[in-house]
Amino acid sequence: MSALMLSAGVLFAPALLGAAPAAIAAPAAVAGLPDFADIVDRVGPAVVNIRTTERLKMREQPDEDEMQEFFRRFFGGQMPRGQAPRSQRRQAPQQQPEREVQRGVGSGFIISADGYVLTNAHVVAGADEVYVTLTDKREFKAKVLGSDVSTDVAVLKIDGARLPYLTIGDSNKIRPGEWVLAIGSPFNLENTVTAGIISAKSRDTGEYLPLIQSDVAVNPGNSGGPLLNMRGEVIGINSQIATLSGGYNGISFAVPIDEAMRVADQLKKSGKVSRGRIGISLNEVSREVAETLGLKGARGAEVAMVEDDGPAAKAGLKAGDIIVKFGGTEIVKSNDLPRIVGNTTPGTKTTVTVFRSGAMVDLPITVVEREGDQPTRGGKPTPKKPKPEATANALGFKVSDLTAAQKKDLGIAGGVMVDATEGSAAGAGLREGDIVLAINNTAIVSASQFNSLVAKLDRSRPAVVLVRRDDVTTHILLRPAPAKEKDAK
């Protein structure tokens, strides 16, 4: 008997003999499904409902015209009889008292026994009064110690002692696929528990918000509530949803607790967040641009604009530089840089590494305190165009030299002005008045030099031109037009 027949006989022997078949063991993943009940029992009391109100003056008595319009629109007729004529109504209404009206409902959680509470900044924005309600129905009027719109974090304080509070986890250690749960007040349904998994980490949805993405059901009212791991530790603050309808669509976002606590510590101390800035605006670096320029990998942040007299300008940064490292930290994506700079203490002296003209350059820089959301623009005017060249080059440019006065006005040492575009340049959205500063890491000093460099390009490979428009500079990938038959001879 063959080995196959023997194994088959062993496999089916119990059934043939009439013995009961053995139960199939459950897969480990099914056997290990989580039970959140114990976690909820333990942490639930520290999750709070947040109710906000605003004070409004009671409306003065409406006049006859307003009442007539009301009845016409909503009841389809005239105002009922008995309304006093205008002459019999008081002419100067008395001062009306204020009344408190509900503004919104959200969630939050206690982080210390003496009553510090974390929530979202948008939950308490514009509120005159904030009330915090615990699961045991105790209600406290809360004081907003501070809120930060950039990270959507707010810190409240309630007068209490020996209050239940949550343990802060480590959002750096989370992994996609990990079980998590949320507790909050969706649609004012207090202490609602939902569960799911982490879908992704470090989603870029804002300048200072590398958010945690999960599929935990989050709806209006969940904002400010905790996202918890299987140890009952807070790893995030539920903040946003991706939705087309206004309701839950399977994607929700939470502020990482590490970021939130860094902000909360400053809000508790001073009521505001101090961030660093260096005075630049940025562009993303594409893989094609990086490869063409000779930069290993699509990494770093391209400097699009340098603020006049700002820290970057004083350090020698130029538009078109690609920042690959700041203070020794690698810049993988352009969004990494604002966070790293923002988290740097103002006054710190450090080094920024840039990729410029095919080489790495280290520049010392001093970080200053951020005052506004955007750096002040340089405001250099675009010069008027001189007489254009007769024909466009292989990239589709017609260019002309800049005068010394124009270069001084723009604050540049070289470059040529675009007088007209066609072909590849026009298709990329370039237009007259733009300034071409470099091509493939070579600085442009004149129109004849630029056209000569373009003429020598390998027509089978793309080229990268550094272009300035107004006060914003960026690298543009362009493909030369195929060589004409007479050019190939």
Protein backbone atom coordinates (compact mmCIF):
# COMPACT_ATOMS: atom_id res chain seq x y z
CA MET A 1 0.00 0.00 0.00
CA SER A 2 1.37 3.37 -0.95
CA ALA A 3 2.18 6.14 1.50
CA LEU A 4 -0.72 8.14 0.12
CA MET A 5 -3.16 5.28 0.71
CA LEU A 6 -1.79 4.73 4.22
CA SER A 7 -2.20 8.37 5.20
CA ALA A 8 -5.67 8.41 3.73
CA GLY A 9 -6.58 5.29 5.69
CA VAL A 10 -5.38 6.84 8.93
CA LEU A 11 -7.24 10.04 8.21
CA PHE A 12 -10.60 8.39 7.60
CA ALA A 13 -10.28 5.38 9.91
CA PRO A 14 -12.19 6.94 12.87
CA ALA A 15 -15.13 7.82 10.68
CA LEU A 16 -15.17 4.37 9.12
CA LEU A 17 -15.13 2.79 12.58
CA GLY A 18 -18.03 4.96 13.70
CA ALA A 19 -15.98 7.04 16.18
CA ALA A 20 -16.98 10.65 16.72
CA PRO A 21 -14.85 13.06 14.64
CA ALA A 22 -12.43 15.28 16.57
CA ALA A 23 -13.30 18.99 16.87
CA ILE A 24 -11.27 21.31 14.67
CA ALA A 25 -9.17 23.68 16.78
CA ALA A 26 -10.07 27.37 16.37
CA PRO A 27 -7.40 29.55 14.78
CA ALA A 28 -5.40 31.56 17.29
CA ALA A 29 -6.75 34.86 15.97
CA VAL A 30 -10.36 33.77 16.55
CA ALA A 31 -9.60 32.25 19.97
CA GLY A 32 -7.86 35.50 21.00
CA LEU A 33 -10.57 38.04 20.18
CA PRO A 34 -10.43 40.81 22.80
CA ASP A 35 -12.93 41.41 25.55
CA PHE A 36 -13.06 45.14 26.28
CA ALA A 37 -15.42 44.90 29.24
CA ASP A 38 -12.74 44.89 31.95
CA ILE A 39 -10.94 47.82 30.33
CA VAL A 40 -14.15 49.84 30.12
CA ASP A 41 -15.01 49.10 33.76
CA ARG A 42 -11.58 50.34 34.78
CA VAL A 43 -11.19 53.45 32.63
CA GLY A 44 -14.80 54.51 32.00
CA PRO A 45 -15.15 56.69 35.12
CA ALA A 46 -12.30 58.96 33.93
CA VAL A 47 -13.99 59.74 30.60
CA VAL A 48 -16.18 62.84 30.81
CA ASN A 49 -18.93 64.58 28.89
CA ILE A 50 -18.20 68.19 28.02
CA ARG A 51 -21.05 70.63 27.53
CA THR A 52 -20.42 74.18 26.36
CA THR A 53 -22.73 77.17 26.53
CA GLU A 54 -22.77 80.80 25.48
CA ARG A 55 -24.54 83.79 26.98
CA LEU A 56 -27.09 85.56 24.81
CA LYS A 57 -29.30 88.52 25.55
CA MET A 58 -32.97 87.64 25.56
CA ARG A 59 -34.51 88.92 22.36
CA GLU A 60 -36.45 92.11 22.57
CA GLN A 61 -40.19 92.08 21.82
CA PRO A 62 -40.55 91.76 18.03
CA ASP A 63 -42.40 94.53 16.27
CA GLU A 64 -45.64 94.12 14.32
CA ASP A 65 -43.92 93.79 10.94
CA GLU A 66 -41.72 90.95 12.20
CA MET A 67 -44.72 89.10 13.69
CA GLN A 68 -46.74 89.60 10.51
CA GLU A 69 -43.92 88.09 8.42
CA PHE A 70 -43.61 85.17 10.86
CA PHE A 71 -47.28 84.22 10.56
CA ARG A 72 -47.25 84.70 6.79
CA ARG A 73 -44.25 82.37 6.28
CA PHE A 74 -45.07 79.62 8.77
CA PHE A 75 -48.86 79.65 9.02
CA GLY A 76 -49.84 80.97 5.59
CA GLY A 77 -52.02 83.78 6.85
CA GLN A 78 -52.33 87.04 8.73
CA MET A 79 -51.42 87.71 12.33
CA PRO A 80 -54.21 86.72 14.74
CA ARG A 81 -56.49 89.39 16.07
CA GLY A 82 -55.69 90.90 19.39
CA GLN A 83 -52.19 92.05 18.56
CA ALA A 84 -51.75 95.49 20.02
CA PRO A 85 -51.30 98.24 17.44
CA ARG A 86 -47.88 99.79 17.09
CA SER A 87 -48.98 102.99 18.87
CA GLN A 88 -49.87 101.03 22.02
CA ARG A 89 -46.56 99.15 22.25
CA ARG A 90 -43.69 100.52 24.27
CA GLN A 91 -41.28 102.48 22.14
CA ALA A 92 -38.05 101.91 24.16
CA PRO A 93 -37.66 98.32 25.32
CA GLN A 94 -35.98 97.79 28.64
CA GLN A 95 -32.56 96.15 28.97
CA GLN A 96 -33.06 92.42 28.63
CA PRO A 97 -31.25 89.93 30.88
CA GLU A 98 -28.79 87.38 29.49
CA ARG A 99 -29.63 83.72 29.22
CA GLU A 100 -27.35 80.73 28.83
CA VAL A 101 -27.90 78.54 25.78
CA GLN A 102 -26.21 75.27 24.89
CA ARG A 103 -23.51 75.61 22.25
CA GLY A 104 -22.20 72.07 21.78
CA VAL A 105 -21.37 68.69 23.30
CA GLY A 106 -18.09 66.81 23.22
CA SER A 107 -15.94 64.45 25.21
CA GLY A 108 -12.78 64.57 27.29
CA PHE A 109 -10.82 62.63 29.88
CA ILE A 110 -9.20 63.33 33.22
CA ILE A 111 -5.40 63.02 33.32
CA SER A 112 -4.74 63.75 37.00
CA ALA A 113 -6.46 63.20 40.33
CA ASP A 114 -6.63 66.95 40.97
CA GLY A 115 -8.79 67.66 37.92
CA TYR A 116 -6.81 68.37 34.76
CA VAL A 117 -8.84 67.40 31.68
CA LEU A 118 -7.80 66.98 28.04
CA THR A 119 -10.12 67.57 25.09
CA ASN A 120 -10.06 69.08 21.60
CA ALA A 121 -9.62 72.80 21.06
CA HIS A 122 -12.60 72.84 18.71
CA VAL A 123 -14.85 71.41 21.45
CA VAL A 124 -14.43 74.50 23.65
CA ALA A 125 -13.85 77.12 20.93
CA GLY A 126 -16.12 80.15 21.36
CA ALA A 127 -17.71 78.91 24.59
CA ASP A 128 -18.56 81.26 27.44
CA GLU A 129 -18.96 78.43 29.94
CA VAL A 130 -17.71 74.83 29.93
CA TYR A 131 -19.26 72.09 32.07
CA VAL A 132 -17.69 68.70 32.73
CA THR A 133 -19.92 65.79 33.77
CA LEU A 134 -18.57 62.53 35.21
CA THR A 135 -20.18 59.11 34.91
CA ASP A 136 -21.41 59.40 38.52
CA LYS A 137 -23.37 62.51 37.40
CA ARG A 138 -21.20 65.00 39.25
CA GLU A 139 -20.96 68.19 37.22
CA PHE A 140 -18.19 70.81 37.42
CA LYS A 141 -17.79 74.20 35.83
CA ALA A 142 -14.41 74.01 34.09
CA LYS A 143 -11.78 76.65 33.46
CA VAL A 144 -10.10 76.58 30.04
CA LEU A 145 -6.39 76.91 30.82
CA GLY A 146 -5.49 77.12 27.16
CA SER A 147 -6.13 75.69 23.72
CA ASP A 148 -3.98 75.19 20.64
CA VAL A 149 -5.69 75.25 17.25
CA SER A 150 -2.69 73.82 15.38
CA THR A 151 -2.84 70.52 17.27
CA ASP A 152 -6.53 70.76 18.28
CA VAL A 153 -5.67 70.24 21.96
CA ALA A 154 -7.19 72.04 24.97
CA VAL A 155 -6.56 71.72 28.69
CA LEU A 156 -9.34 72.28 31.24
CA LYS A 157 -9.24 72.39 35.04
CA ILE A 158 -12.03 71.38 37.37
CA ASP A 159 -12.03 71.75 41.16
CA GLY A 160 -11.89 68.21 42.45
CA ALA A 161 -9.74 65.82 44.44
CA ARG A 162 -9.06 62.08 44.20
CA LEU A 163 -10.73 62.02 40.82
CA PRO A 164 -10.43 58.98 38.53
CA TYR A 165 -7.85 59.53 35.80
CA LEU A 166 -6.36 57.72 32.82
CA THR A 167 -2.85 56.41 32.34
CA ILE A 168 -0.91 58.00 29.50
CA GLY A 169 0.46 55.50 26.99
CA ASP A 170 3.17 55.73 24.33
CA SER A 171 1.83 56.58 20.88
CA ASN A 172 5.26 55.92 19.34
CA LYS A 173 4.89 52.21 20.05
CA ILE A 174 1.55 51.67 18.34
CA ARG A 175 1.31 49.37 15.32
CA PRO A 176 -1.21 49.14 12.47
CA GLY A 177 -3.56 46.24 13.16
CA GLU A 178 -3.47 46.75 16.94
CA TRP A 179 -6.83 46.67 18.74
CA VAL A 180 -8.02 49.99 20.15
CA LEU A 181 -11.24 51.39 21.59
CA ALA A 182 -12.82 54.80 21.96
CA ILE A 183 -15.09 56.11 24.69
CA GLY A 184 -17.08 59.30 24.30
CA SER A 185 -20.44 61.00 23.87
CA PRO A 186 -21.49 60.66 20.22
CA PHE A 187 -24.76 62.53 19.69
CA ASN A 188 -24.69 63.18 23.46
CA LEU A 189 -24.96 59.46 24.25
CA GLU A 190 -22.60 59.49 27.22
CA ASN A 191 -19.92 56.83 27.72
CA THR A 192 -20.49 55.10 24.42
CA VAL A 193 -17.81 52.48 23.71
CA THR A 194 -16.64 51.59 20.18
CA ALA A 195 -13.75 49.41 19.10
CA GLY A 196 -11.59 48.68 16.07
CA ILE A 197 -7.99 48.59 14.96
CA ILE A 198 -5.29 51.09 14.11
CA SER A 199 -5.40 51.50 10.35
CA ALA A 200 -2.27 53.62 9.96
CA LYS A 201 0.01 55.93 11.92
CA SER A 202 1.45 59.34 11.13
CA ARG A 203 -1.19 60.42 8.64
CA ASP A 204 -0.39 63.91 7.38
CA THR A 205 -3.57 65.95 7.66
CA GLY A 206 -2.16 69.15 9.11
CA GLU A 207 1.01 71.08 9.77
CA TYR A 208 1.48 69.81 13.32
CA LEU A 209 -0.77 66.76 13.26
CA PRO A 210 0.74 63.38 12.30
CA LEU A 211 -2.55 61.71 13.19
CA ILE A 212 -3.39 58.13 14.13
CA GLN A 213 -5.90 56.61 11.71
CA SER A 214 -8.27 53.91 12.96
CA ASP A 215 -11.56 52.30 11.98
CA VAL A 216 -13.08 52.91 15.42
CA ALA A 217 -16.57 54.39 15.01
CA VAL A 218 -16.35 58.10 15.84
CA ASN A 219 -19.22 60.53 15.38
CA PRO A 220 -20.07 64.11 16.37
CA GLY A 221 -19.71 64.28 20.16
CA ASN A 222 -16.79 61.82 20.27
CA SER A 223 -14.37 64.71 19.74
CA GLY A 224 -11.94 65.06 22.65
CA GLY A 225 -12.48 61.54 23.98
CA PRO A 226 -9.65 59.03 24.45
CA LEU A 227 -8.37 56.40 22.05
CA LEU A 228 -7.14 53.52 24.24
CA ASN A 229 -4.94 50.48 23.76
CA MET A 230 -5.57 47.04 25.21
CA ARG A 231 -3.85 48.01 28.46
CA GLY A 232 -6.33 50.83 28.99
CA GLU A 233 -3.71 53.50 28.29
CA VAL A 234 -4.52 56.63 26.31
CA ILE A 235 -2.66 56.70 22.99
CA GLY A 236 -4.64 59.48 21.30
CA ILE A 237 -7.39 62.08 21.42
CA ASN A 238 -10.21 61.41 18.95
CA SER A 239 -10.36 64.50 16.77
CA GLN A 240 -11.54 64.09 13.18
CA ILE A 241 -13.40 61.85 10.78
CA ALA A 242 -13.18 61.42 7.01
CA THR A 243 -16.75 61.58 5.79
CA LEU A 244 -18.91 62.51 2.84
CA SER A 245 -22.16 62.51 4.80
CA GLY A 246 -21.17 64.06 8.13
CA GLY A 247 -21.41 60.66 9.85
CA TYR A 248 -18.96 57.84 10.41
CA ASN A 249 -17.57 56.38 7.16
CA GLY A 250 -15.00 53.96 8.58
CA ILE A 251 -12.08 56.37 8.92
CA SER A 252 -11.33 58.36 12.05
CA PHE A 253 -8.27 60.24 13.27
CA ALA A 254 -6.76 60.87 16.69
CA VAL A 255 -4.06 63.25 17.90
CA PRO A 256 -1.12 61.13 19.19
CA ILE A 257 -0.96 61.42 22.96
CA ASP A 258 2.78 62.19 22.89
CA GLU A 259 2.08 65.30 20.81
CA ALA A 260 -0.95 66.18 22.94
CA MET A 261 0.93 65.94 26.24
CA ARG A 262 3.79 68.08 24.91
CA VAL A 263 1.24 70.76 24.07
CA ALA A 264 -0.71 70.24 27.31
CA ASP A 265 2.38 70.82 29.46
CA GLN A 266 2.90 74.24 27.86
CA LEU A 267 -0.78 75.13 28.11
CA LYS A 268 -0.82 74.30 31.82
CA LYS A 269 2.22 76.48 32.45
CA SER A 270 1.52 79.53 30.31
CA GLY A 271 -1.83 79.09 28.56
CA LYS A 272 -0.16 79.12 25.14
CA VAL A 273 2.22 77.09 23.02
CA SER A 274 5.62 78.48 22.03
CA ARG A 275 6.89 77.16 18.70
CA GLY A 276 10.01 77.71 16.69
CA ARG A 277 10.19 79.04 13.16
CA ILE A 278 12.91 79.79 10.62
CA GLY A 279 11.00 81.82 8.02
CA ILE A 280 10.55 79.64 4.94
CA SER A 281 7.78 78.00 2.94
CA LEU A 282 8.18 74.52 1.50
CA ASN A 283 7.41 72.17 -1.37
CA GLU A 284 7.45 68.37 -1.50
CA VAL A 285 10.33 66.70 -3.37
CA SER A 286 9.17 64.19 -5.97
CA ARG A 287 11.07 61.03 -6.86
CA GLU A 288 11.63 62.22 -10.44
CA VAL A 289 13.07 65.56 -9.32
CA ALA A 290 15.32 63.90 -6.74
CA GLU A 291 16.69 61.40 -9.26
CA THR A 292 17.34 64.04 -11.90
CA LEU A 293 19.14 66.32 -9.45
CA GLY A 294 21.23 63.45 -8.10
CA LEU A 295 19.65 63.36 -4.64
CA LYS A 296 19.50 59.84 -3.28
CA GLY A 297 15.82 59.05 -2.68
CA ALA A 298 12.75 61.29 -2.69
CA ARG A 299 13.40 62.95 0.63
CA GLY A 300 13.77 66.34 2.20
CA ALA A 301 11.85 69.58 1.88
CA GLU A 302 12.36 72.02 -0.96
CA VAL A 303 12.65 75.68 0.04
CA ALA A 304 10.04 77.56 -2.00
CA MET A 305 10.46 80.97 -0.39
CA VAL A 306 12.80 82.57 2.12
CA GLU A 307 11.44 85.33 4.33
CA ASP A 308 13.33 88.60 4.10
CA ASP A 309 15.65 89.10 7.11
CA GLY A 310 14.33 85.89 8.70
CA PRO A 311 16.48 83.22 10.38
CA ALA A 312 16.76 81.18 7.16
CA ALA A 313 17.87 84.20 5.13
CA LYS A 314 20.47 85.12 7.75
CA ALA A 315 21.72 81.52 7.72
CA GLY A 316 22.22 81.64 3.96
CA LEU A 317 19.37 79.36 2.83
CA LYS A 318 18.22 79.96 -0.72
CA ALA A 319 15.06 79.20 -2.63
CA GLY A 320 15.56 75.87 -4.36
CA ASP A 321 17.66 74.36 -1.57
CA ILE A 322 16.45 70.95 -0.44
CA ILE A 323 16.63 70.59 3.35
CA VAL A 324 17.59 66.99 4.15
CA LYS A 325 18.49 67.33 7.82
CA PHE A 326 17.62 69.72 10.65
CA GLY A 327 19.50 69.60 13.93
CA GLY A 328 20.78 66.14 13.03
CA THR A 329 17.28 64.77 12.32
CA GLU A 330 16.60 63.39 8.86
CA ILE A 331 13.79 65.08 6.91
CA VAL A 332 11.88 62.35 5.10
CA LYS A 333 8.86 64.39 3.98
CA SER A 334 8.37 68.13 3.71
CA ASN A 335 5.74 67.97 6.49
CA ASP A 336 8.37 66.66 8.89
CA LEU A 337 10.26 69.95 8.93
CA PRO A 338 7.55 72.28 10.34
CA ARG A 339 6.95 69.82 13.18
CA ILE A 340 10.62 69.48 14.01
CA VAL A 341 11.22 73.22 13.83
CA GLY A 342 8.00 73.93 15.72
CA ASN A 343 9.05 71.64 18.55
CA THR A 344 12.45 73.35 18.78
CA THR A 345 12.78 75.85 21.62
CA PRO A 346 13.03 79.42 20.29
CA GLY A 347 16.59 80.70 20.63
CA THR A 348 18.12 77.30 19.89
CA LYS A 349 21.21 77.37 17.65
CA THR A 350 21.48 74.35 15.41
CA THR A 351 22.57 73.19 11.95
CA VAL A 352 20.52 72.71 8.83
CA THR A 353 21.85 70.51 6.01
CA VAL A 354 20.77 71.35 2.47
CA PHE A 355 21.29 69.73 -0.92
CA ARG A 356 22.41 72.52 -3.25
CA SER A 357 23.82 72.24 -6.77
CA GLY A 358 24.57 68.54 -6.33
CA ALA A 359 26.38 68.85 -2.97
CA MET A 360 25.50 68.83 0.74
CA VAL A 361 25.98 72.11 2.61
CA ASP A 362 25.77 72.63 6.39
CA LEU A 363 24.49 76.00 7.56
CA PRO A 364 24.24 77.27 11.17
CA ILE A 365 20.83 78.66 12.04
CA THR A 366 19.08 80.18 15.06
CA VAL A 367 15.41 79.31 15.62
CA VAL A 368 13.09 82.17 16.61
CA GLU A 369 9.62 82.13 18.13
CA ARG A 370 6.71 81.66 15.79
CA GLU A 371 4.29 84.57 15.84
CA GLY A 372 2.01 83.91 12.89
CA ASP A 373 0.77 80.93 10.91
CA GLN A 374 2.73 81.82 7.78
CA PRO A 375 6.07 83.55 7.20
CA THR A 376 5.98 87.09 5.94
CA ARG A 377 6.26 87.14 2.19
CA GLY A 378 9.18 88.94 0.62
CA GLY A 379 6.94 90.90 -1.73
CA LYS A 380 9.50 91.31 -4.52
CA PRO A 381 7.77 92.44 -7.72
CA THR A 382 8.00 90.47 -10.95
CA PRO A 383 9.80 92.57 -13.55
CA LYS A 384 8.26 93.53 -16.84
CA LYS A 385 9.29 91.35 -19.75
CA PRO A 386 11.86 92.50 -22.28
CA LYS A 387 11.71 91.66 -25.95
CA PRO A 388 11.30 87.86 -26.40
CA GLU A 389 13.58 85.54 -28.31
CA ALA A 390 12.42 84.51 -31.77
CA THR A 391 12.06 80.76 -31.11
CA ALA A 392 11.46 78.51 -28.12
CA ASN A 393 14.11 76.03 -26.98
CA ALA A 394 13.61 72.27 -26.57
CA LEU A 395 11.90 72.74 -23.19
CA GLY A 396 9.45 75.24 -24.65
CA PHE A 397 10.96 78.45 -23.24
CA LYS A 398 11.48 81.80 -24.84
CA VAL A 399 13.70 83.72 -22.42
CA SER A 400 15.64 86.96 -22.14
CA ASP A 401 18.30 88.40 -19.88
CA LEU A 402 17.49 90.29 -16.72
CA THR A 403 18.89 93.75 -16.21
CA ALA A 404 21.11 94.53 -13.22
CA ALA A 405 18.27 96.61 -11.75
CA GLN A 406 15.82 93.73 -12.09
CA LYS A 407 18.21 91.30 -10.40
CA LYS A 408 18.74 93.75 -7.55
CA ASP A 409 15.01 94.27 -7.21
CA LEU A 410 14.43 90.50 -7.07
CA GLY A 411 17.37 89.88 -4.76
CA ILE A 412 18.99 87.33 -7.09
CA ALA A 413 22.42 87.06 -8.71
CA GLY A 414 21.41 85.35 -11.95
CA GLY A 415 18.54 83.84 -13.86
CA VAL A 416 16.57 84.63 -16.99
CA MET A 417 13.03 85.79 -17.50
CA VAL A 418 10.43 83.73 -19.32
CA ASP A 419 8.86 85.74 -22.11
CA ALA A 420 6.66 82.97 -23.54
CA THR A 421 6.15 79.22 -23.24
CA GLU A 422 4.98 76.36 -25.39
CA GLY A 423 5.28 72.58 -25.40
CA SER A 424 6.58 71.03 -22.19
CA ALA A 425 6.98 74.34 -20.31
CA ALA A 426 3.46 75.48 -21.15
CA GLY A 427 2.05 72.06 -20.24
CA ALA A 428 3.65 72.36 -16.79
CA GLY A 429 1.87 75.67 -16.21
CA LEU A 430 4.89 77.92 -16.64
CA ARG A 431 4.22 81.35 -18.08
CA GLU A 432 5.70 84.69 -18.97
CA GLY A 433 7.13 86.59 -16.05
CA ASP A 434 8.49 83.44 -14.37
CA ILE A 435 12.21 83.43 -13.62
CA VAL A 436 14.40 80.41 -14.45
CA LEU A 437 17.23 80.22 -11.91
CA ALA A 438 18.86 76.86 -12.66
CA ILE A 439 18.70 73.73 -14.77
CA ASN A 440 19.93 70.34 -13.51
CA ASN A 441 21.92 71.92 -10.65
CA THR A 442 23.59 74.50 -12.94
CA ALA A 443 22.90 78.15 -12.14
CA ILE A 444 21.64 80.26 -15.03
CA VAL A 445 23.47 83.53 -15.72
CA SER A 446 22.19 84.49 -19.18
CA ALA A 447 19.67 83.60 -21.86
CA SER A 448 22.35 82.39 -24.26
CA GLN A 449 23.85 80.10 -21.58
CA PHE A 450 20.42 78.70 -20.71
CA ASN A 451 19.57 77.97 -24.34
CA SER A 452 22.97 76.39 -24.84
CA LEU A 453 22.46 74.07 -21.86
CA VAL A 454 19.00 73.10 -23.11
CA ALA A 455 20.38 72.37 -26.57
CA LYS A 456 22.86 69.91 -25.06
CA LEU A 457 20.24 67.98 -23.06
CA ASP A 458 19.72 64.29 -23.61
CA ARG A 459 16.30 64.38 -25.29
CA SER A 460 15.44 60.95 -23.86
CA ARG A 461 15.75 62.10 -20.24
CA PRO A 462 13.80 64.71 -18.26
CA ALA A 463 15.40 67.88 -16.98
CA VAL A 464 14.73 69.82 -13.79
CA VAL A 465 14.46 73.61 -13.90
CA LEU A 466 14.37 75.81 -10.83
CA VAL A 467 11.66 78.41 -11.39
CA ARG A 468 10.62 81.43 -9.38
CA ARG A 469 7.16 83.00 -9.60
CA ASP A 470 6.62 86.14 -7.52
CA ASP A 471 8.41 85.11 -4.31
CA VAL A 472 7.87 81.34 -4.49
CA THR A 473 10.52 79.04 -5.98
CA THR A 474 10.20 75.37 -6.95
CA HIS A 475 11.80 72.64 -9.03
CA ILE A 476 9.82 71.62 -12.14
CA LEU A 477 10.40 68.40 -14.07
CA LEU A 478 10.23 68.93 -17.83
CA ARG A 479 10.78 66.58 -20.78
CA PRO A 480 12.59 68.00 -23.82
CA ALA A 481 10.88 67.87 -27.16
CA PRO A 482 12.17 65.05 -29.40
CA ALA A 483 15.03 66.08 -31.66
CA LYS A 484 13.98 67.08 -35.16
CA GLU A 485 15.52 65.27 -38.09
CA LYS A 486 17.71 68.25 -39.04
CA ASP A 487 18.92 68.54 -35.44
CA ALA A 488 19.97 64.90 -35.38
CA LYS A 489 22.26 65.25 -38.42
